[in-house]
Amino acid sequence: YCRPSCAARHPRRENVRFFATAKQAEAAGLRACLRCRPNDVA
């Protein structure tokens, strides 16, 4: 999972799901992007 502003190449839309918080994304089994570090937003 990434920040909206992540500079990485955009994924295909059908592969994307949006989460309100990093905790929700992690609860769904996702890990934080090492490039944009979305869990540092707070």
PDB file of all heavy atoms in Angstrom:
ATOM      1  N   TYR A   1       0.847  -1.196   0.000  1.00  0.00           N
ATOM      2  CA  TYR A   1       0.000   0.000   0.000  1.00  0.00           C
ATOM      3  C   TYR A   1       0.880   1.244   0.000  1.00  0.00           C
ATOM      4  O   TYR A   1       1.996   1.242   0.528  1.00  0.00           O
ATOM      5  CB  TYR A   1      -0.978   0.004   1.189  1.00  0.00           C
ATOM      6  CG  TYR A   1      -0.377   0.190   2.560  1.00  0.00           C
ATOM      7  CD1 TYR A   1      -0.280   1.457   3.136  1.00  0.00           C
ATOM      8  CD2 TYR A   1       0.045  -0.905   3.320  1.00  0.00           C
ATOM      9  CE1 TYR A   1       0.232   1.632   4.407  1.00  0.00           C
ATOM     10  CE2 TYR A   1       0.566  -0.744   4.595  1.00  0.00           C
ATOM     11  CZ  TYR A   1       0.660   0.533   5.135  1.00  0.00           C
ATOM     12  OH  TYR A   1       1.175   0.708   6.397  1.00  0.00           O
ATOM     13  N   CYS A   2       0.371   2.318  -0.628  1.00  0.00           N
ATOM     14  CA  CYS A   2       1.156   3.534  -0.875  1.00  0.00           C
ATOM     15  C   CYS A   2       0.370   4.789  -0.524  1.00  0.00           C
ATOM     16  O   CYS A   2      -0.845   4.763  -0.370  1.00  0.00           O
ATOM     17  CB  CYS A   2       1.543   3.634  -2.353  1.00  0.00           C
ATOM     18  SG  CYS A   2       2.461   2.235  -3.002  1.00  0.00           S
ATOM     19  N   ARG A   3       1.095   5.889  -0.460  1.00  0.00           N
ATOM     20  CA  ARG A   3       0.455   7.203  -0.410  1.00  0.00           C
ATOM     21  C   ARG A   3      -0.146   7.500  -1.786  1.00  0.00           C
ATOM     22  O   ARG A   3       0.348   6.994  -2.806  1.00  0.00           O
ATOM     23  CB  ARG A   3       1.473   8.305  -0.112  1.00  0.00           C
ATOM     24  CG  ARG A   3       2.228   8.182   1.187  1.00  0.00           C
ATOM     25  CD  ARG A   3       3.111   9.404   1.369  1.00  0.00           C
ATOM     26  NE  ARG A   3       4.014   9.250   2.505  1.00  0.00           N
ATOM     27  CZ  ARG A   3       4.385  10.238   3.309  1.00  0.00           C
ATOM     28  NH1 ARG A   3       3.919  11.457   3.083  1.00  0.00           N
ATOM     29  NH2 ARG A   3       5.212  10.031   4.313  1.00  0.00           N
ATOM     30  N   PRO A   4      -1.146   8.359  -1.869  1.00  0.00           N
ATOM     31  CA  PRO A   4      -1.657   8.766  -3.181  1.00  0.00           C
ATOM     32  C   PRO A   4      -0.586   9.401  -4.057  1.00  0.00           C
ATOM     33  O   PRO A   4      -0.626   9.281  -5.285  1.00  0.00           O
ATOM     34  CB  PRO A   4      -2.757   9.777  -2.837  1.00  0.00           C
ATOM     35  CG  PRO A   4      -3.199   9.385  -1.465  1.00  0.00           C
ATOM     36  CD  PRO A   4      -1.974   8.887  -0.760  1.00  0.00           C
ATOM     37  N   SER A   5       0.384  10.073  -3.438  1.00  0.00           N
ATOM     38  CA  SER A   5       1.404  10.790  -4.201  1.00  0.00           C
ATOM     39  C   SER A   5       2.623   9.943  -4.550  1.00  0.00           C
ATOM     40  O   SER A   5       3.599  10.470  -5.091  1.00  0.00           O
ATOM     41  CB  SER A   5       1.871  12.012  -3.406  1.00  0.00           C
ATOM     42  OG  SER A   5       2.532  11.604  -2.210  1.00  0.00           O
ATOM     43  N   CYS A   6       2.589   8.668  -4.256  1.00  0.00           N
ATOM     44  CA  CYS A   6       3.766   7.817  -4.479  1.00  0.00           C
ATOM     45  C   CYS A   6       4.279   7.966  -5.915  1.00  0.00           C
ATOM     46  O   CYS A   6       3.513   7.962  -6.882  1.00  0.00           O
ATOM     47  CB  CYS A   6       3.424   6.356  -4.206  1.00  0.00           C
ATOM     48  SG  CYS A   6       4.866   5.256  -4.322  1.00  0.00           S
ATOM     49  N   ALA A   7       5.605   8.089  -6.039  1.00  0.00           N
ATOM     50  CA  ALA A   7       6.221   8.305  -7.351  1.00  0.00           C
ATOM     51  C   ALA A   7       6.403   7.017  -8.145  1.00  0.00           C
ATOM     52  O   ALA A   7       6.841   7.055  -9.309  1.00  0.00           O
ATOM     53  CB  ALA A   7       7.579   8.985  -7.167  1.00  0.00           C
ATOM     54  N   ALA A   8       6.064   5.881  -7.553  1.00  0.00           N
ATOM     55  CA  ALA A   8       6.209   4.611  -8.272  1.00  0.00           C
ATOM     56  C   ALA A   8       5.242   4.546  -9.461  1.00  0.00           C
ATOM     57  O   ALA A   8       4.257   5.287  -9.533  1.00  0.00           O
ATOM     58  CB  ALA A   8       5.955   3.444  -7.324  1.00  0.00           C
ATOM     59  N   ARG A   9       5.522   3.652 -10.374  1.00  0.00           N
ATOM     60  CA  ARG A   9       4.663   3.485 -11.559  1.00  0.00           C
ATOM     61  C   ARG A   9       3.233   3.145 -11.131  1.00  0.00           C
ATOM     62  O   ARG A   9       3.016   2.343 -10.216  1.00  0.00           O
ATOM     63  CB  ARG A   9       5.222   2.371 -12.431  1.00  0.00           C
ATOM     64  CG  ARG A   9       4.453   2.148 -13.727  1.00  0.00           C
ATOM     65  CD  ARG A   9       5.123   1.054 -14.531  1.00  0.00           C
ATOM     66  NE  ARG A   9       4.390   0.798 -15.764  1.00  0.00           N
ATOM     67  CZ  ARG A   9       4.743  -0.118 -16.670  1.00  0.00           C
ATOM     68  NH1 ARG A   9       5.830  -0.846 -16.458  1.00  0.00           N
ATOM     69  NH2 ARG A   9       4.022  -0.291 -17.748  1.00  0.00           N
ATOM     70  N   HIS A  10       2.271   3.751 -11.790  1.00  0.00           N
ATOM     71  CA  HIS A  10       0.879   3.530 -11.410  1.00  0.00           C
ATOM     72  C   HIS A  10       0.438   2.085 -11.694  1.00  0.00           C
ATOM     73  O   HIS A  10       0.750   1.544 -12.769  1.00  0.00           O
ATOM     74  CB  HIS A  10      -0.049   4.474 -12.183  1.00  0.00           C
ATOM     75  CG  HIS A  10       0.036   5.896 -11.717  1.00  0.00           C
ATOM     76  ND1 HIS A  10       0.056   6.976 -12.567  1.00  0.00           N
ATOM     77  CD2 HIS A  10       0.115   6.412 -10.460  1.00  0.00           C
ATOM     78  CE1 HIS A  10       0.129   8.085 -11.872  1.00  0.00           C
ATOM     79  NE2 HIS A  10       0.178   7.779 -10.599  1.00  0.00           N
ATOM     80  N   PRO A  11      -0.295   1.488 -10.745  1.00  0.00           N
ATOM     81  CA  PRO A  11      -0.836   0.147 -10.978  1.00  0.00           C
ATOM     82  C   PRO A  11      -2.059   0.222 -11.894  1.00  0.00           C
ATOM     83  O   PRO A  11      -2.580   1.303 -12.180  1.00  0.00           O
ATOM     84  CB  PRO A  11      -1.243  -0.301  -9.571  1.00  0.00           C
ATOM     85  CG  PRO A  11      -1.599   0.969  -8.868  1.00  0.00           C
ATOM     86  CD  PRO A  11      -0.665   2.017  -9.409  1.00  0.00           C
ATOM     87  N   ARG A  12      -2.517  -0.928 -12.363  1.00  0.00           N
ATOM     88  CA  ARG A  12      -3.766  -0.975 -13.120  1.00  0.00           C
ATOM     89  C   ARG A  12      -4.925  -0.739 -12.160  1.00  0.00           C
ATOM     90  O   ARG A  12      -4.909  -1.206 -11.021  1.00  0.00           O
ATOM     91  CB  ARG A  12      -3.908  -2.321 -13.818  1.00  0.00           C
ATOM     92  CG  ARG A  12      -2.835  -2.579 -14.882  1.00  0.00           C
ATOM     93  CD  ARG A  12      -2.931  -4.002 -15.416  1.00  0.00           C
ATOM     94  NE  ARG A  12      -4.193  -4.197 -16.139  1.00  0.00           N
ATOM     95  CZ  ARG A  12      -4.346  -3.955 -17.441  1.00  0.00           C
ATOM     96  NH1 ARG A  12      -3.331  -3.496 -18.161  1.00  0.00           N
ATOM     97  NH2 ARG A  12      -5.516  -4.156 -18.036  1.00  0.00           N
ATOM     98  N   ARG A  13      -5.925  -0.033 -12.648  1.00  0.00           N
ATOM     99  CA  ARG A  13      -7.039   0.348 -11.771  1.00  0.00           C
ATOM    100  C   ARG A  13      -7.732  -0.865 -11.170  1.00  0.00           C
ATOM    101  O   ARG A  13      -8.120  -0.850  -9.989  1.00  0.00           O
ATOM    102  CB  ARG A  13      -8.059   1.186 -12.572  1.00  0.00           C
ATOM    103  CG  ARG A  13      -9.315   1.557 -11.778  1.00  0.00           C
ATOM    104  CD  ARG A  13      -8.978   2.446 -10.596  1.00  0.00           C
ATOM    105  NE  ARG A  13     -10.140   2.749  -9.753  1.00  0.00           N
ATOM    106  CZ  ARG A  13     -10.537   2.013  -8.725  1.00  0.00           C
ATOM    107  NH1 ARG A  13      -9.869   0.904  -8.393  1.00  0.00           N
ATOM    108  NH2 ARG A  13     -11.592   2.358  -8.009  1.00  0.00           N
ATOM    109  N   GLU A  14      -7.879  -1.921 -11.932  1.00  0.00           N
ATOM    110  CA  GLU A  14      -8.611  -3.074 -11.421  1.00  0.00           C
ATOM    111  C   GLU A  14      -7.862  -3.802 -10.299  1.00  0.00           C
ATOM    112  O   GLU A  14      -8.442  -4.634  -9.590  1.00  0.00           O
ATOM    113  CB  GLU A  14      -8.919  -4.056 -12.551  1.00  0.00           C
ATOM    114  CG  GLU A  14      -7.690  -4.603 -13.274  1.00  0.00           C
ATOM    115  CD  GLU A  14      -7.352  -3.821 -14.521  1.00  0.00           C
ATOM    116  OE1 GLU A  14      -7.677  -2.607 -14.573  1.00  0.00           O
ATOM    117  OE2 GLU A  14      -6.763  -4.410 -15.445  1.00  0.00           O
ATOM    118  N   ASN A  15      -6.572  -3.485 -10.124  1.00  0.00           N
ATOM    119  CA  ASN A  15      -5.782  -4.121  -9.071  1.00  0.00           C
ATOM    120  C   ASN A  15      -5.730  -3.295  -7.786  1.00  0.00           C
ATOM    121  O   ASN A  15      -5.053  -3.681  -6.831  1.00  0.00           O
ATOM    122  CB  ASN A  15      -4.350  -4.364  -9.558  1.00  0.00           C
ATOM    123  CG  ASN A  15      -4.301  -5.331 -10.722  1.00  0.00           C
ATOM    124  OD1 ASN A  15      -5.154  -6.218 -10.837  1.00  0.00           O
ATOM    125  ND2 ASN A  15      -3.318  -5.171 -11.591  1.00  0.00           N
ATOM    126  N   VAL A  16      -6.440  -2.175  -7.790  1.00  0.00           N
ATOM    127  CA  VAL A  16      -6.337  -1.215  -6.684  1.00  0.00           C
ATOM    128  C   VAL A  16      -7.573  -1.261  -5.783  1.00  0.00           C
ATOM    129  O   VAL A  16      -8.703  -1.374  -6.262  1.00  0.00           O
ATOM    130  CB  VAL A  16      -6.150   0.215  -7.235  1.00  0.00           C
ATOM    131  CG1 VAL A  16      -6.318   1.252  -6.126  1.00  0.00           C
ATOM    132  CG2 VAL A  16      -4.782   0.354  -7.870  1.00  0.00           C
ATOM    133  N   ARG A  17      -7.308  -1.148  -4.486  1.00  0.00           N
ATOM    134  CA  ARG A  17      -8.373  -0.976  -3.506  1.00  0.00           C
ATOM    135  C   ARG A  17      -7.941   0.136  -2.563  1.00  0.00           C
ATOM    136  O   ARG A  17      -6.753   0.224  -2.197  1.00  0.00           O
ATOM    137  CB  ARG A  17      -8.599  -2.278  -2.728  1.00  0.00           C
ATOM    138  CG  ARG A  17      -9.701  -2.200  -1.664  1.00  0.00           C
ATOM    139  CD  ARG A  17      -9.826  -3.530  -0.931  1.00  0.00           C
ATOM    140  NE  ARG A  17     -10.638  -3.405   0.278  1.00  0.00           N
ATOM    141  CZ  ARG A  17     -10.720  -4.328   1.229  1.00  0.00           C
ATOM    142  NH1 ARG A  17     -10.027  -5.472   1.102  1.00  0.00           N
ATOM    143  NH2 ARG A  17     -11.475  -4.139   2.296  1.00  0.00           N
ATOM    144  N   PHE A  18      -8.869   0.992  -2.164  1.00  0.00           N
ATOM    145  CA  PHE A  18      -8.542   2.130  -1.314  1.00  0.00           C
ATOM    146  C   PHE A  18      -8.928   1.849   0.135  1.00  0.00           C
ATOM    147  O   PHE A  18      -9.974   1.253   0.408  1.00  0.00           O
ATOM    148  CB  PHE A  18      -9.249   3.389  -1.819  1.00  0.00           C
ATOM    149  CG  PHE A  18      -8.865   3.760  -3.221  1.00  0.00           C
ATOM    150  CD1 PHE A  18      -9.778   3.651  -4.257  1.00  0.00           C
ATOM    151  CD2 PHE A  18      -7.582   4.209  -3.511  1.00  0.00           C
ATOM    152  CE1 PHE A  18      -9.430   3.969  -5.554  1.00  0.00           C
ATOM    153  CE2 PHE A  18      -7.218   4.532  -4.809  1.00  0.00           C
ATOM    154  CZ  PHE A  18      -8.148   4.418  -5.833  1.00  0.00           C
ATOM    155  N   PHE A  19      -8.070   2.300   1.048  1.00  0.00           N
ATOM    156  CA  PHE A  19      -8.301   2.125   2.485  1.00  0.00           C
ATOM    157  C   PHE A  19      -8.203   3.485   3.171  1.00  0.00           C
ATOM    158  O   PHE A  19      -7.363   4.321   2.806  1.00  0.00           O
ATOM    159  CB  PHE A  19      -7.262   1.179   3.094  1.00  0.00           C
ATOM    160  CG  PHE A  19      -7.275  -0.207   2.507  1.00  0.00           C
ATOM    161  CD1 PHE A  19      -6.516  -0.504   1.387  1.00  0.00           C
ATOM    162  CD2 PHE A  19      -8.061  -1.207   3.073  1.00  0.00           C
ATOM    163  CE1 PHE A  19      -6.527  -1.778   0.844  1.00  0.00           C
ATOM    164  CE2 PHE A  19      -8.078  -2.484   2.536  1.00  0.00           C
ATOM    165  CZ  PHE A  19      -7.311  -2.780   1.417  1.00  0.00           C
ATOM    166  N   ALA A  20      -9.037   3.688   4.164  1.00  0.00           N
ATOM    167  CA  ALA A  20      -9.047   4.973   4.868  1.00  0.00           C
ATOM    168  C   ALA A  20      -7.774   5.178   5.683  1.00  0.00           C
ATOM    169  O   ALA A  20      -7.303   6.306   5.834  1.00  0.00           O
ATOM    170  CB  ALA A  20     -10.270   5.072   5.774  1.00  0.00           C
ATOM    171  N   THR A  21      -7.192   4.109   6.221  1.00  0.00           N
ATOM    172  CA  THR A  21      -6.002   4.213   7.059  1.00  0.00           C
ATOM    173  C   THR A  21      -5.000   3.123   6.718  1.00  0.00           C
ATOM    174  O   THR A  21      -5.341   2.089   6.123  1.00  0.00           O
ATOM    175  CB  THR A  21      -6.362   4.088   8.548  1.00  0.00           C
ATOM    176  OG1 THR A  21      -6.859   2.754   8.799  1.00  0.00           O
ATOM    177  CG2 THR A  21      -7.417   5.104   8.956  1.00  0.00           C
ATOM    178  N   ALA A  22      -3.759   3.349   7.139  1.00  0.00           N
ATOM    179  CA  ALA A  22      -2.717   2.345   6.959  1.00  0.00           C
ATOM    180  C   ALA A  22      -3.050   1.080   7.753  1.00  0.00           C
ATOM    181  O   ALA A  22      -2.783  -0.041   7.301  1.00  0.00           O
ATOM    182  CB  ALA A  22      -1.378   2.913   7.400  1.00  0.00           C
ATOM    183  N   LYS A  23      -3.657   1.244   8.924  1.00  0.00           N
ATOM    184  CA  LYS A  23      -4.001   0.076   9.741  1.00  0.00           C
ATOM    185  C   LYS A  23      -4.994  -0.829   9.018  1.00  0.00           C
ATOM    186  O   LYS A  23      -4.897  -2.058   9.085  1.00  0.00           O
ATOM    187  CB  LYS A  23      -4.569   0.525  11.086  1.00  0.00           C
ATOM    188  CG  LYS A  23      -3.525   1.084  12.041  1.00  0.00           C
ATOM    189  CD  LYS A  23      -4.136   1.400  13.399  1.00  0.00           C
ATOM    190  CE  LYS A  23      -3.071   1.891  14.365  1.00  0.00           C
ATOM    191  NZ  LYS A  23      -3.650   2.207  15.705  1.00  0.00           N
ATOM    192  N   GLN A  24      -5.954  -0.232   8.319  1.00  0.00           N
ATOM    193  CA  GLN A  24      -6.916  -1.035   7.568  1.00  0.00           C
ATOM    194  C   GLN A  24      -6.233  -1.799   6.440  1.00  0.00           C
ATOM    195  O   GLN A  24      -6.557  -2.960   6.174  1.00  0.00           O
ATOM    196  CB  GLN A  24      -8.025  -0.136   7.011  1.00  0.00           C
ATOM    197  CG  GLN A  24      -8.966   0.421   8.066  1.00  0.00           C
ATOM    198  CD  GLN A  24     -10.044   1.296   7.468  1.00  0.00           C
ATOM    199  OE1 GLN A  24     -10.169   1.413   6.246  1.00  0.00           O
ATOM    200  NE2 GLN A  24     -10.838   1.932   8.327  1.00  0.00           N
ATOM    201  N   ALA A  25      -5.282  -1.142   5.782  1.00  0.00           N
ATOM    202  CA  ALA A  25      -4.553  -1.814   4.708  1.00  0.00           C
ATOM    203  C   ALA A  25      -3.737  -2.980   5.253  1.00  0.00           C
ATOM    204  O   ALA A  25      -3.688  -4.069   4.654  1.00  0.00           O
ATOM    205  CB  ALA A  25      -3.651  -0.815   3.989  1.00  0.00           C
ATOM    206  N   GLU A  26      -3.112  -2.772   6.392  1.00  0.00           N
ATOM    207  CA  GLU A  26      -2.307  -3.835   6.998  1.00  0.00           C
ATOM    208  C   GLU A  26      -3.188  -4.980   7.482  1.00  0.00           C
ATOM    209  O   GLU A  26      -2.796  -6.150   7.409  1.00  0.00           O
ATOM    210  CB  GLU A  26      -1.467  -3.249   8.126  1.00  0.00           C
ATOM    211  CG  GLU A  26      -0.353  -2.339   7.609  1.00  0.00           C
ATOM    212  CD  GLU A  26       0.359  -1.575   8.716  1.00  0.00           C
ATOM    213  OE1 GLU A  26      -0.001  -1.775   9.899  1.00  0.00           O
ATOM    214  OE2 GLU A  26       1.263  -0.789   8.391  1.00  0.00           O
ATOM    215  N   ALA A  27      -4.386  -4.649   7.963  1.00  0.00           N
ATOM    216  CA  ALA A  27      -5.314  -5.695   8.389  1.00  0.00           C
ATOM    217  C   ALA A  27      -5.758  -6.552   7.212  1.00  0.00           C
ATOM    218  O   ALA A  27      -6.129  -7.728   7.389  1.00  0.00           O
ATOM    219  CB  ALA A  27      -6.533  -5.062   9.074  1.00  0.00           C
ATOM    220  N   ALA A  28      -5.700  -5.979   5.998  1.00  0.00           N
ATOM    221  CA  ALA A  28      -6.050  -6.725   4.787  1.00  0.00           C
ATOM    222  C   ALA A  28      -4.857  -7.495   4.231  1.00  0.00           C
ATOM    223  O   ALA A  28      -4.951  -8.087   3.146  1.00  0.00           O
ATOM    224  CB  ALA A  28      -6.589  -5.770   3.723  1.00  0.00           C
ATOM    225  N   GLY A  29      -3.733  -7.479   4.955  1.00  0.00           N
ATOM    226  CA  GLY A  29      -2.566  -8.254   4.554  1.00  0.00           C
ATOM    227  C   GLY A  29      -1.550  -7.508   3.730  1.00  0.00           C
ATOM    228  O   GLY A  29      -0.614  -8.124   3.193  1.00  0.00           O
ATOM    229  N   LEU A  30      -1.671  -6.192   3.619  1.00  0.00           N
ATOM    230  CA  LEU A  30      -0.743  -5.411   2.810  1.00  0.00           C
ATOM    231  C   LEU A  30       0.384  -4.849   3.676  1.00  0.00           C
ATOM    232  O   LEU A  30       0.235  -4.662   4.879  1.00  0.00           O
ATOM    233  CB  LEU A  30      -1.465  -4.263   2.109  1.00  0.00           C
ATOM    234  CG  LEU A  30      -2.672  -4.648   1.240  1.00  0.00           C
ATOM    235  CD1 LEU A  30      -3.301  -3.407   0.623  1.00  0.00           C
ATOM    236  CD2 LEU A  30      -2.254  -5.634   0.152  1.00  0.00           C
ATOM    237  N   ARG A  31       1.521  -4.572   3.039  1.00  0.00           N
ATOM    238  CA  ARG A  31       2.653  -3.970   3.749  1.00  0.00           C
ATOM    239  C   ARG A  31       2.978  -2.614   3.131  1.00  0.00           C
ATOM    240  O   ARG A  31       2.680  -2.359   1.955  1.00  0.00           O
ATOM    241  CB  ARG A  31       3.880  -4.885   3.689  1.00  0.00           C
ATOM    242  CG  ARG A  31       4.431  -5.123   2.298  1.00  0.00           C
ATOM    243  CD  ARG A  31       5.549  -6.154   2.319  1.00  0.00           C
ATOM    244  NE  ARG A  31       6.183  -6.305   1.011  1.00  0.00           N
ATOM    245  CZ  ARG A  31       5.699  -7.007   0.011  1.00  0.00           C
ATOM    246  NH1 ARG A  31       4.545  -7.673   0.166  1.00  0.00           N
ATOM    247  NH2 ARG A  31       6.355  -7.076  -1.139  1.00  0.00           N
ATOM    248  N   ALA A  32       3.619  -1.761   3.922  1.00  0.00           N
ATOM    249  CA  ALA A  32       3.882  -0.386   3.496  1.00  0.00           C
ATOM    250  C   ALA A  32       4.944  -0.331   2.404  1.00  0.00           C
ATOM    251  O   ALA A  32       5.935  -1.064   2.430  1.00  0.00           O
ATOM    252  CB  ALA A  32       4.327   0.453   4.689  1.00  0.00           C
ATOM    253  N   CYS A  33       4.737   0.559   1.452  1.00  0.00           N
ATOM    254  CA  CYS A  33       5.708   0.811   0.387  1.00  0.00           C
ATOM    255  C   CYS A  33       6.978   1.407   0.994  1.00  0.00           C
ATOM    256  O   CYS A  33       6.920   2.347   1.794  1.00  0.00           O
ATOM    257  CB  CYS A  33       5.110   1.788  -0.629  1.00  0.00           C
ATOM    258  SG  CYS A  33       6.256   2.391  -1.875  1.00  0.00           S
ATOM    259  N   LEU A  34       8.128   0.878   0.610  1.00  0.00           N
ATOM    260  CA  LEU A  34       9.390   1.375   1.138  1.00  0.00           C
ATOM    261  C   LEU A  34       9.827   2.660   0.454  1.00  0.00           C
ATOM    262  O   LEU A  34      10.730   3.342   0.933  1.00  0.00           O
ATOM    263  CB  LEU A  34      10.476   0.305   0.979  1.00  0.00           C
ATOM    264  CG  LEU A  34      10.269  -0.989   1.771  1.00  0.00           C
ATOM    265  CD1 LEU A  34      11.393  -1.964   1.490  1.00  0.00           C
ATOM    266  CD2 LEU A  34      10.182  -0.686   3.264  1.00  0.00           C
ATOM    267  N   ARG A  35       9.179   2.986  -0.648  1.00  0.00           N
ATOM    268  CA  ARG A  35       9.555   4.199  -1.380  1.00  0.00           C
ATOM    269  C   ARG A  35       8.870   5.441  -0.820  1.00  0.00           C
ATOM    270  O   ARG A  35       9.512   6.451  -0.546  1.00  0.00           O
ATOM    271  CB  ARG A  35       9.214   4.045  -2.863  1.00  0.00           C
ATOM    272  CG  ARG A  35       9.640   5.229  -3.723  1.00  0.00           C
ATOM    273  CD  ARG A  35       9.514   4.896  -5.200  1.00  0.00           C
ATOM    274  NE  ARG A  35      10.027   5.965  -6.036  1.00  0.00           N
ATOM    275  CZ  ARG A  35      10.155   5.880  -7.359  1.00  0.00           C
ATOM    276  NH1 ARG A  35       9.822   4.763  -7.989  1.00  0.00           N
ATOM    277  NH2 ARG A  35      10.628   6.900  -8.051  1.00  0.00           N
ATOM    278  N   CYS A  36       7.547   5.385  -0.625  1.00  0.00           N
ATOM    279  CA  CYS A  36       6.813   6.573  -0.154  1.00  0.00           C
ATOM    280  C   CYS A  36       6.498   6.542   1.337  1.00  0.00           C
ATOM    281  O   CYS A  36       6.054   7.536   1.892  1.00  0.00           O
ATOM    282  CB  CYS A  36       5.527   6.750  -0.958  1.00  0.00           C
ATOM    283  SG  CYS A  36       4.280   5.451  -0.664  1.00  0.00           S
ATOM    284  N   ARG A  37       6.715   5.377   1.993  1.00  0.00           N
ATOM    285  CA  ARG A  37       6.524   5.226   3.440  1.00  0.00           C
ATOM    286  C   ARG A  37       5.197   5.824   3.927  1.00  0.00           C
ATOM    287  O   ARG A  37       5.168   6.793   4.692  1.00  0.00           O
ATOM    288  CB  ARG A  37       7.702   5.869   4.194  1.00  0.00           C
ATOM    289  CG  ARG A  37       9.037   5.237   3.846  1.00  0.00           C
ATOM    290  CD  ARG A  37      10.166   5.789   4.673  1.00  0.00           C
ATOM    291  NE  ARG A  37      11.431   5.200   4.294  1.00  0.00           N
ATOM    292  CZ  ARG A  37      11.895   4.024   4.709  1.00  0.00           C
ATOM    293  NH1 ARG A  37      11.153   3.312   5.550  1.00  0.00           N
ATOM    294  NH2 ARG A  37      13.071   3.581   4.310  1.00  0.00           N
ATOM    295  N   PRO A  38       4.084   5.258   3.507  1.00  0.00           N
ATOM    296  CA  PRO A  38       2.777   5.829   3.860  1.00  0.00           C
ATOM    297  C   PRO A  38       2.464   5.782   5.342  1.00  0.00           C
ATOM    298  O   PRO A  38       1.638   6.564   5.828  1.00  0.00           O
ATOM    299  CB  PRO A  38       1.800   4.956   3.064  1.00  0.00           C
ATOM    300  CG  PRO A  38       2.517   3.656   2.878  1.00  0.00           C
ATOM    301  CD  PRO A  38       3.959   4.032   2.689  1.00  0.00           C
ATOM    302  N   ASN A  39       3.112   4.894   6.080  1.00  0.00           N
ATOM    303  CA  ASN A  39       2.839   4.818   7.520  1.00  0.00           C
ATOM    304  C   ASN A  39       3.556   5.918   8.302  1.00  0.00           C
ATOM    305  O   ASN A  39       3.421   6.004   9.519  1.00  0.00           O
ATOM    306  CB  ASN A  39       3.211   3.441   8.085  1.00  0.00           C
ATOM    307  CG  ASN A  39       4.566   2.960   7.588  1.00  0.00           C
ATOM    308  OD1 ASN A  39       5.202   3.617   6.773  1.00  0.00           O
ATOM    309  ND2 ASN A  39       4.998   1.820   8.080  1.00  0.00           N
ATOM    310  N   ASP A  40       4.313   6.793   7.607  1.00  0.00           N
ATOM    311  CA  ASP A  40       4.943   7.930   8.267  1.00  0.00           C
ATOM    312  C   ASP A  40       4.075   9.184   8.209  1.00  0.00           C
ATOM    313  O   ASP A  40       4.460  10.228   8.737  1.00  0.00           O
ATOM    314  CB  ASP A  40       6.299   8.251   7.612  1.00  0.00           C
ATOM    315  CG  ASP A  40       7.403   7.302   8.060  1.00  0.00           C
ATOM    316  OD1 ASP A  40       7.163   6.538   9.016  1.00  0.00           O
ATOM    317  OD2 ASP A  40       8.485   7.321   7.448  1.00  0.00           O
ATOM    318  N   VAL A  41       2.914   9.101   7.546  1.00  0.00           N
ATOM    319  CA  VAL A  41       2.081  10.291   7.378  1.00  0.00           C
ATOM    320  C   VAL A  41       1.682  10.879   8.720  1.00  0.00           C
ATOM    321  O   VAL A  41       1.753  12.095   8.941  1.00  0.00           O
ATOM    322  CB  VAL A  41       0.817   9.973   6.539  1.00  0.00           C
ATOM    323  CG1 VAL A  41      -0.137  11.156   6.543  1.00  0.00           C
ATOM    324  CG2 VAL A  41       1.212   9.623   5.112  1.00  0.00           C
ATOM    325  N   ALA A  42       1.253  10.036   9.650  1.00  0.00           N
ATOM    326  CA  ALA A  42       0.834  10.523  10.969  1.00  0.00           C
ATOM    327  C   ALA A  42       1.994  11.215  11.682  1.00  0.00           C
ATOM    328  O   ALA A  42       1.820  12.247  12.335  1.00  0.00           O
ATOM    329  CB  ALA A  42       0.295   9.375  11.811  1.00  0.00           C
TER     330      ALA A  42
END
